[in-house]
Amino acid sequence: MPGRIGRRGVGPGRRPVVAAAATGAVVAGAAGAARRGAPVGNRYQMRQRMFAIGDDFYIEDEQGRRAFKVDGKALRVRSTLKFEDASGRELYKIQEKLARVRDSMTIERTDGGAAARVHNALITPLRDRWTIDVPGGADLNAQGNIVQHEYRIERGGSTVATVSKKWFRVRDSYGVEIAPGQDDALILAITVVIDMMAHQGR
């Protein structure tokens, strides 16, 4: 559908359930969203700088269920991170080497075509801004404190995803809350690319 990223990798009826580690924040956030009339999306726990680990990593939802897998072992052989669904079906891949030599990076579909291109548009001491080109769809932008994992991804002024460390108490992790109707796997891949580019050389 033009202007909208299709949903992929998350089955119907997968409504997020409050995790014990973040019960207070989740309940408060959901209640606030309900009062504002905003739909509550899916929330995932991510590992910071997973590209530097070189091992497999499962992205879990708030209930602790494995939603996606990041094949980090492929990084050792092909300089590639693979995003797979819980059953092991490949969805997207990221060529890690590109982050070392350019200020833009491409997320590829399984057929090799570009699913999204992430560009570092502006870095300031207080706020960063990134642009994400989506071939065949509406482009996105990310802005906020990228290095500290406190930012939003937007499309046309509407928030598509919110990235924050406040929802989970696990060290070296951050959360990504994605609005309903999105391609969750692609949004999560975008956050990983931003993490890779923001921390290259650090």
Protein backbone atom coordinates (compact mmCIF):
# COMPACT_ATOMS: atom_id res chain seq x y z
CA MET A 1 0.00 0.00 0.00
CA PRO A 2 1.60 3.34 -0.98
CA GLY A 3 2.74 5.52 1.89
CA ARG A 4 2.67 2.67 4.39
CA ILE A 5 5.10 -0.02 5.36
CA GLY A 6 3.32 -3.36 5.43
CA ARG A 7 3.36 -5.51 8.55
CA ARG A 8 5.58 -8.58 8.52
CA GLY A 9 6.89 -11.12 11.00
CA VAL A 10 4.33 -10.54 13.75
CA GLY A 11 1.33 -12.83 13.81
CA PRO A 12 -2.22 -11.65 14.35
CA GLY A 13 -3.43 -11.28 17.90
CA ARG A 14 0.06 -10.79 19.32
CA ARG A 15 -0.94 -8.16 21.81
CA PRO A 16 1.91 -7.09 24.09
CA VAL A 17 1.74 -8.35 27.66
CA VAL A 18 3.34 -6.51 30.56
CA ALA A 19 6.74 -7.85 31.56
CA ALA A 20 7.49 -8.04 35.26
CA ALA A 21 10.65 -5.97 34.89
CA ALA A 22 8.77 -3.00 33.50
CA THR A 23 5.27 -3.34 34.89
CA GLY A 24 4.90 0.18 36.22
CA ALA A 25 6.19 1.92 33.11
CA VAL A 26 4.14 -0.24 30.76
CA VAL A 27 0.88 0.16 32.66
CA ALA A 28 1.36 3.92 32.92
CA GLY A 29 2.25 4.21 29.25
CA ALA A 30 -0.67 2.10 28.10
CA ALA A 31 -3.10 3.99 30.32
CA GLY A 32 -1.80 7.32 29.03
CA ALA A 33 -2.11 6.17 25.44
CA ALA A 34 -5.64 4.96 26.06
CA ARG A 35 -6.60 8.34 27.57
CA ARG A 36 -5.20 10.08 24.51
CA GLY A 37 -7.02 7.70 22.20
CA ALA A 38 -3.73 6.40 20.74
CA PRO A 39 -3.44 2.68 19.93
CA VAL A 40 -0.89 0.73 21.93
CA GLY A 41 1.72 -0.92 19.70
CA ASN A 42 4.20 -3.74 20.15
CA ARG A 43 7.22 -3.22 22.37
CA TYR A 44 10.49 -5.12 21.98
CA GLN A 45 13.70 -5.42 23.97
CA MET A 46 16.89 -4.82 21.99
CA ARG A 47 20.55 -5.29 22.85
CA GLN A 48 22.85 -2.31 22.45
CA ARG A 49 25.54 -2.68 19.81
CA MET A 50 24.50 -6.23 18.97
CA PHE A 51 26.56 -5.88 15.78
CA ALA A 52 29.73 -6.01 17.90
CA ILE A 53 28.80 -9.25 19.63
CA GLY A 54 29.16 -11.60 16.67
CA ASP A 55 26.59 -14.08 17.94
CA ASP A 56 22.91 -14.87 17.51
CA PHE A 57 20.48 -12.67 19.39
CA TYR A 58 16.74 -13.04 19.87
CA ILE A 59 14.57 -9.94 20.00
CA GLU A 60 11.85 -10.54 22.55
CA ASP A 61 8.48 -8.94 23.10
CA GLU A 62 7.31 -7.70 26.49
CA GLN A 63 6.17 -11.15 27.52
CA GLY A 64 9.64 -12.53 26.88
CA ARG A 65 8.61 -14.41 23.76
CA ARG A 66 11.09 -14.66 20.91
CA ALA A 67 9.75 -12.51 18.08
CA PHE A 68 12.77 -12.16 15.77
CA LYS A 69 16.29 -13.51 15.50
CA VAL A 70 19.38 -11.57 14.50
CA ASP A 71 21.96 -13.94 13.02
CA GLY A 72 25.19 -12.39 14.26
CA LYS A 73 27.33 -15.40 13.37
CA ALA A 74 26.90 -14.48 9.71
CA LEU A 75 28.76 -11.28 10.54
CA ARG A 76 31.97 -13.26 11.11
CA VAL A 77 31.84 -14.79 7.64
CA ARG A 78 30.03 -12.38 5.33
CA SER A 79 30.06 -9.08 7.23
CA THR A 80 26.28 -9.39 7.27
CA LEU A 81 23.58 -9.29 9.93
CA LYS A 82 20.47 -11.30 9.08
CA PHE A 83 17.03 -10.60 10.49
CA GLU A 84 14.81 -13.67 10.72
CA ASP A 85 11.38 -14.36 12.12
CA ALA A 86 10.94 -16.71 15.07
CA SER A 87 10.79 -19.73 12.75
CA GLY A 88 14.11 -18.87 11.08
CA ARG A 89 12.76 -17.37 7.85
CA GLU A 90 15.06 -14.61 6.61
CA LEU A 91 13.39 -11.21 6.33
CA TYR A 92 16.15 -8.62 5.91
CA LYS A 93 19.93 -8.35 5.93
CA ILE A 94 22.41 -5.60 6.75
CA GLN A 95 25.88 -5.33 5.25
CA GLU A 96 27.99 -4.28 8.23
CA LYS A 97 30.99 -3.04 6.24
CA LEU A 98 29.01 -0.19 4.74
CA ALA A 99 28.75 1.49 8.13
CA ARG A 100 32.53 1.82 8.31
CA VAL A 101 33.05 3.76 5.10
CA ARG A 102 29.86 5.73 4.44
CA ASP A 103 27.39 8.00 6.18
CA SER A 104 24.52 5.96 4.75
CA MET A 105 23.59 2.30 4.92
CA THR A 106 21.11 0.00 3.16
CA ILE A 107 18.83 -2.66 4.58
CA GLU A 108 18.21 -5.30 1.93
CA ARG A 109 15.31 -7.62 1.26
CA THR A 110 15.97 -11.29 0.65
CA ASP A 111 15.96 -10.69 -3.13
CA GLY A 112 18.79 -8.15 -2.74
CA GLY A 113 16.60 -5.10 -3.32
CA ALA A 114 16.71 -2.11 -0.98
CA ALA A 115 14.05 -2.10 1.73
CA ALA A 116 15.35 1.10 3.36
CA ARG A 117 18.35 3.42 3.20
CA VAL A 118 19.42 5.18 6.38
CA HIS A 119 21.25 8.51 6.14
CA ASN A 120 22.86 10.55 8.87
CA ALA A 121 21.39 13.98 8.13
CA LEU A 122 22.48 16.04 11.13
CA ILE A 123 24.50 15.55 14.31
CA THR A 124 24.51 18.24 17.01
CA PRO A 125 25.60 18.18 20.66
CA LEU A 126 21.98 17.97 21.84
CA ARG A 127 20.00 16.38 19.05
CA ASP A 128 20.54 14.11 16.06
CA ARG A 129 18.42 13.76 12.94
CA TRP A 130 18.46 10.84 10.52
CA THR A 131 16.51 10.25 7.32
CA ILE A 132 15.31 6.85 6.11
CA ASP A 133 14.41 6.44 2.43
CA VAL A 134 11.86 3.68 1.82
CA PRO A 135 11.73 2.71 -1.89
CA GLY A 136 8.11 2.40 -2.95
CA GLY A 137 6.83 3.77 0.36
CA ALA A 138 6.72 6.90 2.51
CA ASP A 139 10.09 8.00 3.87
CA LEU A 140 10.85 8.18 7.58
CA ASN A 141 13.01 10.32 9.82
CA ALA A 142 14.52 9.72 13.24
CA GLN A 143 15.35 12.45 15.71
CA GLY A 144 16.32 12.73 19.33
CA ASN A 145 19.28 11.56 21.39
CA ILE A 146 20.44 8.72 19.16
CA VAL A 147 23.56 7.77 21.12
CA GLN A 148 21.56 7.44 24.35
CA HIS A 149 18.75 5.48 22.61
CA GLU A 150 16.09 8.10 23.31
CA TYR A 151 14.49 9.09 20.01
CA ARG A 152 11.46 8.77 17.74
CA ILE A 153 11.00 7.50 14.21
CA GLU A 154 8.33 9.46 12.34
CA ARG A 155 6.51 9.46 9.03
CA GLY A 156 4.84 12.67 7.91
CA GLY A 157 4.78 14.03 11.46
CA SER A 158 3.24 10.88 12.95
CA THR A 159 5.26 8.68 15.31
CA VAL A 160 5.95 5.24 13.88
CA ALA A 161 8.25 4.04 16.69
CA THR A 162 9.66 5.28 19.97
CA VAL A 163 13.07 4.15 21.19
CA SER A 164 13.85 4.43 24.89
CA LYS A 165 15.86 2.79 27.66
CA LYS A 166 13.24 3.53 30.32
CA TRP A 167 11.01 0.49 29.75
CA PHE A 168 13.50 -2.25 30.52
CA ARG A 169 15.88 -2.50 33.46
CA VAL A 170 18.28 -4.89 31.76
CA ARG A 171 21.78 -3.52 31.36
CA ASP A 172 22.95 -2.62 27.83
CA SER A 173 19.47 -2.90 26.39
CA TYR A 174 16.82 -0.55 25.08
CA GLY A 175 13.19 -0.79 24.08
CA VAL A 176 11.45 -0.10 20.79
CA GLU A 177 7.71 0.54 20.79
CA ILE A 178 6.21 0.28 17.31
CA ALA A 179 2.82 1.66 16.31
CA PRO A 180 0.22 -0.80 14.99
CA GLY A 181 0.24 -1.64 11.30
CA GLN A 182 3.99 -1.34 10.69
CA ASP A 183 6.60 -3.78 9.44
CA ASP A 184 8.08 -4.46 12.86
CA ALA A 185 11.11 -6.35 11.53
CA LEU A 186 12.07 -3.48 9.23
CA ILE A 187 11.66 -0.86 11.96
CA LEU A 188 13.83 -2.93 14.31
CA ALA A 189 16.45 -3.35 11.57
CA ILE A 190 16.45 0.43 11.14
CA THR A 191 17.17 0.92 14.84
CA VAL A 192 20.08 -1.52 14.60
CA VAL A 193 21.51 0.33 11.59
CA ILE A 194 21.21 3.66 13.42
CA ASP A 195 22.98 2.09 16.41
CA MET A 196 25.75 0.80 14.15
CA MET A 197 26.28 4.13 12.42
CA ALA A 198 26.01 6.25 15.57
CA HIS A 199 28.65 4.18 17.37
CA GLN A 200 31.09 3.47 14.55
CA GLY A 201 34.61 4.26 15.66
CA ARG A 202 33.58 4.60 19.31
